[in-house]
Amino acid sequence: MNNGGTCEERSRKLLHKLKALAREIPTDFQQRIPYELLSELASNLAQGQIFEIVHVLTEVQQATEKHLFQNRLHFLQKQKIEKQNLISGNPTPAQLASLEKKHK
């Protein structure tokens, strides 16, 4: 019961804050934000579901960025090795142009 009470109390406080924020926006937009929407938003925020979702999405984004960064480093290293191999073999201008075009 206590947990439900604290959730309800948080929901009421959040609803009060959301209503205050809604009053600060232009009147045209205020009309588009019904009380039910503010109430549902406050309830969902009080339950913590949205924060959990945002936390998980942040973790996914960070993992994706790390993976893409590792891929970039791997590609740059591969490109560096290809250039060194080509240069050490006395390349023709056509081979250099081909390599430059490949790595653009």
PDB file of N, CA and C in Angstrom:
ATOM      1  N   MET A   1       0.809  -1.192   0.000  1.00  0.00           N
ATOM      2  CA  MET A   1       0.000   0.000   0.000  1.00  0.00           C
ATOM      3  C   MET A   1       0.858   1.264   0.000  1.00  0.00           C
ATOM      4  N   ASN A   2       1.926   1.239   0.775  1.00  0.00           N
ATOM      5  CA  ASN A   2       2.774   2.415   0.876  1.00  0.00           C
ATOM      6  C   ASN A   2       3.379   2.783  -0.466  1.00  0.00           C
ATOM      7  N   ASN A   3       3.818   1.769  -1.239  1.00  0.00           N
ATOM      8  CA  ASN A   3       4.386   2.024  -2.545  1.00  0.00           C
ATOM      9  C   ASN A   3       3.358   2.661  -3.466  1.00  0.00           C
ATOM     10  N   GLY A   4       2.110   2.167  -3.419  1.00  0.00           N
ATOM     11  CA  GLY A   4       1.058   2.753  -4.229  1.00  0.00           C
ATOM     12  C   GLY A   4       0.791   4.189  -3.828  1.00  0.00           C
ATOM     13  N   GLY A   5       0.841   4.447  -2.513  1.00  0.00           N
ATOM     14  CA  GLY A   5       0.630   5.802  -2.023  1.00  0.00           C
ATOM     15  C   GLY A   5       1.725   6.745  -2.485  1.00  0.00           C
ATOM     16  N   THR A   6       2.967   6.299  -2.435  1.00  0.00           N
ATOM     17  CA  THR A   6       4.064   7.150  -2.882  1.00  0.00           C
ATOM     18  C   THR A   6       3.985   7.387  -4.385  1.00  0.00           C
ATOM     19  N   CYS A   7       3.568   6.394  -5.116  1.00  0.00           N
ATOM     20  CA  CYS A   7       3.406   6.546  -6.564  1.00  0.00           C
ATOM     21  C   CYS A   7       2.296   7.550  -6.860  1.00  0.00           C
ATOM     22  N   GLU A   8       1.206   7.444  -6.116  1.00  0.00           N
ATOM     23  CA  GLU A   8       0.099   8.384  -6.306  1.00  0.00           C
ATOM     24  C   GLU A   8       0.525   9.799  -5.935  1.00  0.00           C
ATOM     25  N   GLU A   9       1.280   9.917  -4.871  1.00  0.00           N
ATOM     26  CA  GLU A   9       1.751  11.240  -4.437  1.00  0.00           C
ATOM     27  C   GLU A   9       2.700  11.827  -5.479  1.00  0.00           C
ATOM     28  N   ARG A  10       3.615  11.024  -5.974  1.00  0.00           N
ATOM     29  CA  ARG A  10       4.524  11.491  -7.035  1.00  0.00           C
ATOM     30  C   ARG A  10       3.731  11.897  -8.258  1.00  0.00           C
ATOM     31  N   SER A  11       2.722  11.106  -8.583  1.00  0.00           N
ATOM     32  CA  SER A  11       1.885  11.408  -9.746  1.00  0.00           C
ATOM     33  C   SER A  11       1.186  12.755  -9.567  1.00  0.00           C
ATOM     34  N   ARG A  12       0.660  13.015  -8.389  1.00  0.00           N
ATOM     35  CA  ARG A  12      -0.011  14.304  -8.132  1.00  0.00           C
ATOM     36  C   ARG A  12       0.969  15.463  -8.238  1.00  0.00           C
ATOM     37  N   LYS A  13       2.174  15.290  -7.664  1.00  0.00           N
ATOM     38  CA  LYS A  13       3.180  16.352  -7.734  1.00  0.00           C
ATOM     39  C   LYS A  13       3.601  16.612  -9.181  1.00  0.00           C
ATOM     40  N   LEU A  14       3.826  15.528  -9.925  1.00  0.00           N
ATOM     41  CA  LEU A  14       4.217  15.677 -11.326  1.00  0.00           C
ATOM     42  C   LEU A  14       3.102  16.327 -12.142  1.00  0.00           C
ATOM     43  N   LEU A  15       1.858  15.948 -11.870  1.00  0.00           N
ATOM     44  CA  LEU A  15       0.727  16.544 -12.577  1.00  0.00           C
ATOM     45  C   LEU A  15       0.660  18.038 -12.289  1.00  0.00           C
ATOM     46  N   HIS A  16       0.881  18.413 -11.057  1.00  0.00           N
ATOM     47  CA  HIS A  16       0.874  19.826 -10.694  1.00  0.00           C
ATOM     48  C   HIS A  16       1.962  20.578 -11.475  1.00  0.00           C
ATOM     49  N   LYS A  17       3.171  19.996 -11.543  1.00  0.00           N
ATOM     50  CA  LYS A  17       4.269  20.622 -12.278  1.00  0.00           C
ATOM     51  C   LYS A  17       3.967  20.690 -13.770  1.00  0.00           C
ATOM     52  N   LEU A  18       3.401  19.617 -14.314  1.00  0.00           N
ATOM     53  CA  LEU A  18       3.070  19.599 -15.747  1.00  0.00           C
ATOM     54  C   LEU A  18       2.000  20.636 -16.081  1.00  0.00           C
ATOM     55  N   LYS A  19       1.022  20.775 -15.211  1.00  0.00           N
ATOM     56  CA  LYS A  19      -0.018  21.782 -15.453  1.00  0.00           C
ATOM     57  C   LYS A  19       0.586  23.187 -15.411  1.00  0.00           C
ATOM     58  N   ALA A  20       1.521  23.411 -14.496  1.00  0.00           N
ATOM     59  CA  ALA A  20       2.189  24.713 -14.425  1.00  0.00           C
ATOM     60  C   ALA A  20       2.998  24.968 -15.702  1.00  0.00           C
ATOM     61  N   LEU A  21       3.699  23.947 -16.179  1.00  0.00           N
ATOM     62  CA  LEU A  21       4.454  24.088 -17.432  1.00  0.00           C
ATOM     63  C   LEU A  21       3.526  24.339 -18.610  1.00  0.00           C
ATOM     64  N   ALA A  22       2.395  23.656 -18.628  1.00  0.00           N
ATOM     65  CA  ALA A  22       1.432  23.814 -19.727  1.00  0.00           C
ATOM     66  C   ALA A  22       0.873  25.233 -19.755  1.00  0.00           C
ATOM     67  N   ARG A  23       0.740  25.855 -18.598  1.00  0.00           N
ATOM     68  CA  ARG A  23       0.221  27.233 -18.557  1.00  0.00           C
ATOM     69  C   ARG A  23       1.227  28.231 -19.118  1.00  0.00           C
ATOM     70  N   GLU A  24       2.506  27.855 -19.161  1.00  0.00           N
ATOM     71  CA  GLU A  24       3.547  28.755 -19.648  1.00  0.00           C
ATOM     72  C   GLU A  24       3.666  28.775 -21.170  1.00  0.00           C
ATOM     73  N   ILE A  25       3.104  27.790 -21.844  1.00  0.00           N
ATOM     74  CA  ILE A  25       3.217  27.743 -23.304  1.00  0.00           C
ATOM     75  C   ILE A  25       2.133  28.612 -23.926  1.00  0.00           C
ATOM     76  N   PRO A  26       2.286  29.003 -25.202  1.00  0.00           N
ATOM     77  CA  PRO A  26       1.282  29.847 -25.849  1.00  0.00           C
ATOM     78  C   PRO A  26      -0.117  29.210 -25.821  1.00  0.00           C
ATOM     79  N   THR A  27      -1.115  30.056 -25.771  1.00  0.00           N
ATOM     80  CA  THR A  27      -2.503  29.621 -25.643  1.00  0.00           C
ATOM     81  C   THR A  27      -2.917  28.659 -26.752  1.00  0.00           C
ATOM     82  N   ASP A  28      -2.440  28.899 -27.962  1.00  0.00           N
ATOM     83  CA  ASP A  28      -2.798  28.012 -29.086  1.00  0.00           C
ATOM     84  C   ASP A  28      -2.404  26.571 -28.794  1.00  0.00           C
ATOM     85  N   PHE A  29      -1.260  26.392 -28.161  1.00  0.00           N
ATOM     86  CA  PHE A  29      -0.784  25.046 -27.864  1.00  0.00           C
ATOM     87  C   PHE A  29      -1.439  24.474 -26.616  1.00  0.00           C
ATOM     88  N   GLN A  30      -1.788  25.337 -25.681  1.00  0.00           N
ATOM     89  CA  GLN A  30      -2.445  24.881 -24.455  1.00  0.00           C
ATOM     90  C   GLN A  30      -3.735  24.131 -24.777  1.00  0.00           C
ATOM     91  N   GLN A  31      -4.434  24.602 -25.779  1.00  0.00           N
ATOM     92  CA  GLN A  31      -5.707  23.986 -26.156  1.00  0.00           C
ATOM     93  C   GLN A  31      -5.510  22.572 -26.700  1.00  0.00           C
ATOM     94  N   ARG A  32      -4.331  22.284 -27.180  1.00  0.00           N
ATOM     95  CA  ARG A  32      -4.043  20.968 -27.768  1.00  0.00           C
ATOM     96  C   ARG A  32      -3.563  19.955 -26.735  1.00  0.00           C
ATOM     97  N   ILE A  33      -3.407  20.379 -25.490  1.00  0.00           N
ATOM     98  CA  ILE A  33      -2.915  19.488 -24.441  1.00  0.00           C
ATOM     99  C   ILE A  33      -4.036  19.260 -23.433  1.00  0.00           C
ATOM    100  N   PRO A  34      -4.795  18.191 -23.592  1.00  0.00           N
ATOM    101  CA  PRO A  34      -5.899  17.939 -22.663  1.00  0.00           C
ATOM    102  C   PRO A  34      -5.388  17.489 -21.285  1.00  0.00           C
ATOM    103  N   TYR A  35      -6.223  17.658 -20.300  1.00  0.00           N
ATOM    104  CA  TYR A  35      -5.898  17.263 -18.928  1.00  0.00           C
ATOM    105  C   TYR A  35      -5.564  15.775 -18.863  1.00  0.00           C
ATOM    106  N   GLU A  36      -6.272  14.964 -19.629  1.00  0.00           N
ATOM    107  CA  GLU A  36      -6.038  13.515 -19.607  1.00  0.00           C
ATOM    108  C   GLU A  36      -4.611  13.172 -20.033  1.00  0.00           C
ATOM    109  N   LEU A  37      -4.116  13.907 -21.018  1.00  0.00           N
ATOM    110  CA  LEU A  37      -2.744  13.668 -21.479  1.00  0.00           C
ATOM    111  C   LEU A  37      -1.748  13.997 -20.372  1.00  0.00           C
ATOM    112  N   LEU A  38      -1.937  15.128 -19.717  1.00  0.00           N
ATOM    113  CA  LEU A  38      -1.042  15.504 -18.622  1.00  0.00           C
ATOM    114  C   LEU A  38      -1.122  14.494 -17.485  1.00  0.00           C
ATOM    115  N   SER A  39      -2.317  14.029 -17.198  1.00  0.00           N
ATOM    116  CA  SER A  39      -2.518  13.058 -16.127  1.00  0.00           C
ATOM    117  C   SER A  39      -1.825  11.739 -16.442  1.00  0.00           C
ATOM    118  N   GLU A  40      -1.975  11.245 -17.659  1.00  0.00           N
ATOM    119  CA  GLU A  40      -1.318   9.990 -18.063  1.00  0.00           C
ATOM    120  C   GLU A  40       0.197  10.135 -18.055  1.00  0.00           C
ATOM    121  N   LEU A  41       0.685  11.270 -18.530  1.00  0.00           N
ATOM    122  CA  LEU A  41       2.123  11.507 -18.541  1.00  0.00           C
ATOM    123  C   LEU A  41       2.668  11.524 -17.119  1.00  0.00           C
ATOM    124  N   ALA A  42       1.979  12.204 -16.230  1.00  0.00           N
ATOM    125  CA  ALA A  42       2.411  12.247 -14.828  1.00  0.00           C
ATOM    126  C   ALA A  42       2.400  10.849 -14.217  1.00  0.00           C
ATOM    127  N   SER A  43       1.380  10.086 -14.520  1.00  0.00           N
ATOM    128  CA  SER A  43       1.286   8.727 -13.981  1.00  0.00           C
ATOM    129  C   SER A  43       2.432   7.855 -14.478  1.00  0.00           C
ATOM    130  N   ASN A  44       2.714   7.934 -15.769  1.00  0.00           N
ATOM    131  CA  ASN A  44       3.801   7.131 -16.338  1.00  0.00           C
ATOM    132  C   ASN A  44       5.158   7.558 -15.794  1.00  0.00           C
ATOM    133  N   LEU A  45       5.354   8.855 -15.643  1.00  0.00           N
ATOM    134  CA  LEU A  45       6.615   9.334 -15.067  1.00  0.00           C
ATOM    135  C   LEU A  45       6.763   8.870 -13.626  1.00  0.00           C
ATOM    136  N   ALA A  46       5.674   8.901 -12.868  1.00  0.00           N
ATOM    137  CA  ALA A  46       5.716   8.500 -11.455  1.00  0.00           C
ATOM    138  C   ALA A  46       6.059   7.023 -11.307  1.00  0.00           C
ATOM    139  N   GLN A  47       5.618   6.209 -12.248  1.00  0.00           N
ATOM    140  CA  GLN A  47       5.885   4.773 -12.179  1.00  0.00           C
ATOM    141  C   GLN A  47       7.318   4.435 -12.592  1.00  0.00           C
ATOM    142  N   GLY A  48       7.993   5.357 -13.233  1.00  0.00           N
ATOM    143  CA  GLY A  48       9.390   5.151 -13.599  1.00  0.00           C
ATOM    144  C   GLY A  48       9.602   4.392 -14.899  1.00  0.00           C
ATOM    145  N   GLN A  49       8.554   4.027 -15.602  1.00  0.00           N
ATOM    146  CA  GLN A  49       8.706   3.251 -16.841  1.00  0.00           C
ATOM    147  C   GLN A  49       9.462   4.032 -17.903  1.00  0.00           C
ATOM    148  N   ILE A  50       9.154   5.303 -18.012  1.00  0.00           N
ATOM    149  CA  ILE A  50       9.795   6.103 -19.048  1.00  0.00           C
ATOM    150  C   ILE A  50      11.290   6.220 -18.774  1.00  0.00           C
ATOM    151  N   PHE A  51      11.661   6.423 -17.515  1.00  0.00           N
ATOM    152  CA  PHE A  51      13.069   6.538 -17.184  1.00  0.00           C
ATOM    153  C   PHE A  51      13.815   5.237 -17.472  1.00  0.00           C
ATOM    154  N   GLU A  52      13.170   4.111 -17.223  1.00  0.00           N
ATOM    155  CA  GLU A  52      13.779   2.813 -17.536  1.00  0.00           C
ATOM    156  C   GLU A  52      14.015   2.676 -19.034  1.00  0.00           C
ATOM    157  N   ILE A  53      13.008   3.053 -19.811  1.00  0.00           N
ATOM    158  CA  ILE A  53      13.114   2.961 -21.273  1.00  0.00           C
ATOM    159  C   ILE A  53      14.241   3.856 -21.774  1.00  0.00           C
ATOM    160  N   VAL A  54      14.300   5.086 -21.280  1.00  0.00           N
ATOM    161  CA  VAL A  54      15.348   6.009 -21.699  1.00  0.00           C
ATOM    162  C   VAL A  54      16.725   5.464 -21.313  1.00  0.00           C
ATOM    163  N   HIS A  55      16.835   4.879 -20.140  1.00  0.00           N
ATOM    164  CA  HIS A  55      18.116   4.310 -19.692  1.00  0.00           C
ATOM    165  C   HIS A  55      18.557   3.174 -20.629  1.00  0.00           C
ATOM    166  N   VAL A  56      17.635   2.294 -20.962  1.00  0.00           N
ATOM    167  CA  VAL A  56      17.968   1.172 -21.856  1.00  0.00           C
ATOM    168  C   VAL A  56      18.342   1.688 -23.237  1.00  0.00           C
ATOM    169  N   LEU A  57      17.595   2.672 -23.746  1.00  0.00           N
ATOM    170  CA  LEU A  57      17.913   3.229 -25.066  1.00  0.00           C
ATOM    171  C   LEU A  57      19.275   3.919 -25.058  1.00  0.00           C
ATOM    172  N   THR A  58      19.624   4.557 -23.950  1.00  0.00           N
ATOM    173  CA  THR A  58      20.937   5.192 -23.830  1.00  0.00           C
ATOM    174  C   THR A  58      22.040   4.139 -23.878  1.00  0.00           C
ATOM    175  N   GLU A  59      21.834   3.025 -23.190  1.00  0.00           N
ATOM    176  CA  GLU A  59      22.818   1.945 -23.220  1.00  0.00           C
ATOM    177  C   GLU A  59      22.981   1.376 -24.627  1.00  0.00           C
ATOM    178  N   VAL A  60      21.871   1.204 -25.325  1.00  0.00           N
ATOM    179  CA  VAL A  60      21.918   0.688 -26.698  1.00  0.00           C
ATOM    180  C   VAL A  60      22.673   1.667 -27.599  1.00  0.00           C
ATOM    181  N   GLN A  61      22.380   2.956 -27.445  1.00  0.00           N
ATOM    182  CA  GLN A  61      23.061   3.956 -28.260  1.00  0.00           C
ATOM    183  C   GLN A  61      24.564   3.953 -27.992  1.00  0.00           C
ATOM    184  N   GLN A  62      24.949   3.875 -26.739  1.00  0.00           N
ATOM    185  CA  GLN A  62      26.377   3.866 -26.399  1.00  0.00           C
ATOM    186  C   GLN A  62      27.074   2.632 -26.960  1.00  0.00           C
ATOM    187  N   ALA A  63      26.416   1.486 -26.885  1.00  0.00           N
ATOM    188  CA  ALA A  63      27.005   0.259 -27.444  1.00  0.00           C
ATOM    189  C   ALA A  63      27.140   0.372 -28.956  1.00  0.00           C
ATOM    190  N   THR A  64      26.142   0.940 -29.592  1.00  0.00           N
ATOM    191  CA  THR A  64      26.179   1.111 -31.051  1.00  0.00           C
ATOM    192  C   THR A  64      27.306   2.054 -31.451  1.00  0.00           C
ATOM    193  N   GLU A  65      27.421   3.166 -30.740  1.00  0.00           N
ATOM    194  CA  GLU A  65      28.486   4.123 -31.042  1.00  0.00           C
ATOM    195  C   GLU A  65      29.864   3.501 -30.832  1.00  0.00           C
ATOM    196  N   LYS A  66      30.024   2.713 -29.779  1.00  0.00           N
ATOM    197  CA  LYS A  66      31.301   2.050 -29.526  1.00  0.00           C
ATOM    198  C   LYS A  66      31.623   1.076 -30.655  1.00  0.00           C
ATOM    199  N   HIS A  67      30.622   0.317 -31.093  1.00  0.00           N
ATOM    200  CA  HIS A  67      30.810  -0.634 -32.189  1.00  0.00           C
ATOM    201  C   HIS A  67      31.193   0.096 -33.479  1.00  0.00           C
ATOM    202  N   LEU A  68      30.508   1.189 -33.782  1.00  0.00           N
ATOM    203  CA  LEU A  68      30.827   1.946 -34.995  1.00  0.00           C
ATOM    204  C   LEU A  68      32.222   2.556 -34.919  1.00  0.00           C
ATOM    205  N   PHE A  69      32.608   3.010 -33.738  1.00  0.00           N
ATOM    206  CA  PHE A  69      33.952   3.565 -33.565  1.00  0.00           C
ATOM    207  C   PHE A  69      35.007   2.492 -33.788  1.00  0.00           C
ATOM    208  N   GLN A  70      34.779   1.295 -33.251  1.00  0.00           N
ATOM    209  CA  GLN A  70      35.717   0.186 -33.451  1.00  0.00           C
ATOM    210  C   GLN A  70      35.810  -0.182 -34.925  1.00  0.00           C
ATOM    211  N   ASN A  71      34.672  -0.190 -35.618  1.00  0.00           N
ATOM    212  CA  ASN A  71      34.679  -0.459 -37.060  1.00  0.00           C
ATOM    213  C   ASN A  71      35.495   0.578 -37.807  1.00  0.00           C
ATOM    214  N   ARG A  72      35.341   1.842 -37.412  1.00  0.00           N
ATOM    215  CA  ARG A  72      36.093   2.922 -38.063  1.00  0.00           C
ATOM    216  C   ARG A  72      37.591   2.738 -37.840  1.00  0.00           C
ATOM    217  N   LEU A  73      37.985   2.432 -36.615  1.00  0.00           N
ATOM    218  CA  LEU A  73      39.405   2.213 -36.331  1.00  0.00           C
ATOM    219  C   LEU A  73      39.964   1.053 -37.141  1.00  0.00           C
ATOM    220  N   HIS A  74      39.174  -0.020 -37.243  1.00  0.00           N
ATOM    221  CA  HIS A  74      39.598  -1.183 -38.030  1.00  0.00           C
ATOM    222  C   HIS A  74      39.763  -0.796 -39.495  1.00  0.00           C
ATOM    223  N   PHE A  75      38.817  -0.045 -40.032  1.00  0.00           N
ATOM    224  CA  PHE A  75      38.878   0.383 -41.429  1.00  0.00           C
ATOM    225  C   PHE A  75      40.098   1.276 -41.663  1.00  0.00           C
ATOM    226  N   LEU A  76      40.350   2.219 -40.754  1.00  0.00           N
ATOM    227  CA  LEU A  76      41.504   3.109 -40.917  1.00  0.00           C
ATOM    228  C   LEU A  76      42.819   2.343 -40.868  1.00  0.00           C
ATOM    229  N   GLN A  77      42.908   1.360 -39.992  1.00  0.00           N
ATOM    230  CA  GLN A  77      44.122   0.547 -39.911  1.00  0.00           C
ATOM    231  C   GLN A  77      44.312  -0.251 -41.197  1.00  0.00           C
ATOM    232  N   LYS A  78      43.239  -0.831 -41.696  1.00  0.00           N
ATOM    233  CA  LYS A  78      43.300  -1.597 -42.948  1.00  0.00           C
ATOM    234  C   LYS A  78      43.728  -0.695 -44.100  1.00  0.00           C
ATOM    235  N   GLN A  79      43.176   0.504 -44.146  1.00  0.00           N
ATOM    236  CA  GLN A  79      43.512   1.462 -45.197  1.00  0.00           C
ATOM    237  C   GLN A  79      44.993   1.845 -45.116  1.00  0.00           C
ATOM    238  N   LYS A  80      45.488   2.060 -43.908  1.00  0.00           N
ATOM    239  CA  LYS A  80      46.889   2.432 -43.708  1.00  0.00           C
ATOM    240  C   LYS A  80      47.811   1.316 -44.197  1.00  0.00           C
ATOM    241  N   ILE A  81      47.473   0.074 -43.883  1.00  0.00           N
ATOM    242  CA  ILE A  81      48.287  -1.074 -44.308  1.00  0.00           C
ATOM    243  C   ILE A  81      48.280  -1.199 -45.829  1.00  0.00           C
ATOM    244  N   GLU A  82      47.114  -1.020 -46.454  1.00  0.00           N
ATOM    245  CA  GLU A  82      47.032  -1.106 -47.918  1.00  0.00           C
ATOM    246  C   GLU A  82      47.898  -0.039 -48.573  1.00  0.00           C
ATOM    247  N   LYS A  83      47.870   1.174 -48.045  1.00  0.00           N
ATOM    248  CA  LYS A  83      48.683   2.253 -48.610  1.00  0.00           C
ATOM    249  C   LYS A  83      50.170   1.949 -48.453  1.00  0.00           C
ATOM    250  N   GLN A  84      50.560   1.459 -47.270  1.00  0.00           N
ATOM    251  CA  GLN A  84      51.974   1.125 -47.046  1.00  0.00           C
ATOM    252  C   GLN A  84      52.434   0.020 -47.980  1.00  0.00           C
ATOM    253  N   ASN A  85      51.596  -0.990 -48.176  1.00  0.00           N
ATOM    254  CA  ASN A  85      51.946  -2.091 -49.082  1.00  0.00           C
ATOM    255  C   ASN A  85      52.083  -1.599 -50.516  1.00  0.00           C
ATOM    256  N   LEU A  86      51.186  -0.725 -50.900  1.00  0.00           N
ATOM    257  CA  LEU A  86      51.235  -0.214 -52.269  1.00  0.00           C
ATOM    258  C   LEU A  86      52.463   0.666 -52.479  1.00  0.00           C
ATOM    259  N   ILE A  87      52.749   1.510 -51.521  1.00  0.00           N
ATOM    260  CA  ILE A  87      53.889   2.422 -51.645  1.00  0.00           C
ATOM    261  C   ILE A  87      55.204   1.654 -51.638  1.00  0.00           C
ATOM    262  N   SER A  88      55.292   0.603 -50.836  1.00  0.00           N
ATOM    263  CA  SER A  88      56.541  -0.169 -50.769  1.00  0.00           C
ATOM    264  C   SER A  88      56.800  -0.945 -52.058  1.00  0.00           C
ATOM    265  N   GLY A  89      55.786  -1.091 -52.901  1.00  0.00           N
ATOM    266  CA  GLY A  89      55.963  -1.840 -54.147  1.00  0.00           C
ATOM    267  C   GLY A  89      56.139  -0.960 -55.364  1.00  0.00           C
ATOM    268  N   ASN A  90      56.574   0.303 -55.202  1.00  0.00           N
ATOM    269  CA  ASN A  90      56.755   1.245 -56.300  1.00  0.00           C
ATOM    270  C   ASN A  90      55.521   1.297 -57.208  1.00  0.00           C
ATOM    271  N   PRO A  91      54.454   1.889 -56.734  1.00  0.00           N
ATOM    272  CA  PRO A  91      53.200   1.897 -57.494  1.00  0.00           C
ATOM    273  C   PRO A  91      53.231   2.846 -58.686  1.00  0.00           C
ATOM    274  N   THR A  92      52.425   2.528 -59.648  1.00  0.00           N
ATOM    275  CA  THR A  92      52.245   3.419 -60.789  1.00  0.00           C
ATOM    276  C   THR A  92      51.247   4.499 -60.379  1.00  0.00           C
ATOM    277  N   PRO A  93      51.237   5.605 -61.105  1.00  0.00           N
ATOM    278  CA  PRO A  93      50.261   6.655 -60.797  1.00  0.00           C
ATOM    279  C   PRO A  93      48.809   6.143 -60.886  1.00  0.00           C
ATOM    280  N   ALA A  94      48.558   5.213 -61.781  1.00  0.00           N
ATOM    281  CA  ALA A  94      47.217   4.650 -61.925  1.00  0.00           C
ATOM    282  C   ALA A  94      46.830   3.859 -60.675  1.00  0.00           C
ATOM    283  N   GLN A  95      47.780   3.117 -60.108  1.00  0.00           N
ATOM    284  CA  GLN A  95      47.499   2.356 -58.891  1.00  0.00           C
ATOM    285  C   GLN A  95      47.226   3.288 -57.710  1.00  0.00           C
ATOM    286  N   LEU A  96      48.005   4.382 -57.620  1.00  0.00           N
ATOM    287  CA  LEU A  96      47.770   5.349 -56.549  1.00  0.00           C
ATOM    288  C   LEU A  96      46.408   6.009 -56.684  1.00  0.00           C
ATOM    289  N   ALA A  97      46.041   6.361 -57.924  1.00  0.00           N
ATOM    290  CA  ALA A  97      44.740   6.990 -58.155  1.00  0.00           C
ATOM    291  C   ALA A  97      43.610   5.996 -57.817  1.00  0.00           C
ATOM    292  N   SER A  98      43.804   4.754 -58.154  1.00  0.00           N
ATOM    293  CA  SER A  98      42.799   3.723 -57.847  1.00  0.00           C
ATOM    294  C   SER A  98      42.621   3.568 -56.341  1.00  0.00           C
ATOM    295  N   LEU A  99      43.740   3.565 -55.614  1.00  0.00           N
ATOM    296  CA  LEU A  99      43.681   3.421 -54.162  1.00  0.00           C
ATOM    297  C   LEU A  99      42.999   4.637 -53.527  1.00  0.00           C
ATOM    298  N   GLU A 100      43.349   5.831 -54.006  1.00  0.00           N
ATOM    299  CA  GLU A 100      42.720   7.042 -53.477  1.00  0.00           C
ATOM    300  C   GLU A 100      41.216   7.034 -53.730  1.00  0.00           C
ATOM    301  N   LYS A 101      40.823   6.614 -54.928  1.00  0.00           N
ATOM    302  CA  LYS A 101      39.396   6.555 -55.262  1.00  0.00           C
ATOM    303  C   LYS A 101      38.664   5.522 -54.379  1.00  0.00           C
ATOM    304  N   LYS A 102      39.324   4.404 -54.119  1.00  0.00           N
ATOM    305  CA  LYS A 102      38.741   3.339 -53.307  1.00  0.00           C
ATOM    306  C   LYS A 102      38.494   3.802 -51.875  1.00  0.00           C
ATOM    307  N   HIS A 103      39.374   4.637 -51.354  1.00  0.00           N
ATOM    308  CA  HIS A 103      39.310   5.017 -49.944  1.00  0.00           C
ATOM    309  C   HIS A 103      38.674   6.391 -49.706  1.00  0.00           C
ATOM    310  N   LYS A 104      37.978   6.910 -50.678  1.00  0.00           N
ATOM    311  CA  LYS A 104      37.266   8.177 -50.461  1.00  0.00           C
ATOM    312  C   LYS A 104      35.991   7.961 -49.754  1.00  0.00           C
TER     313      LYS A 104
END
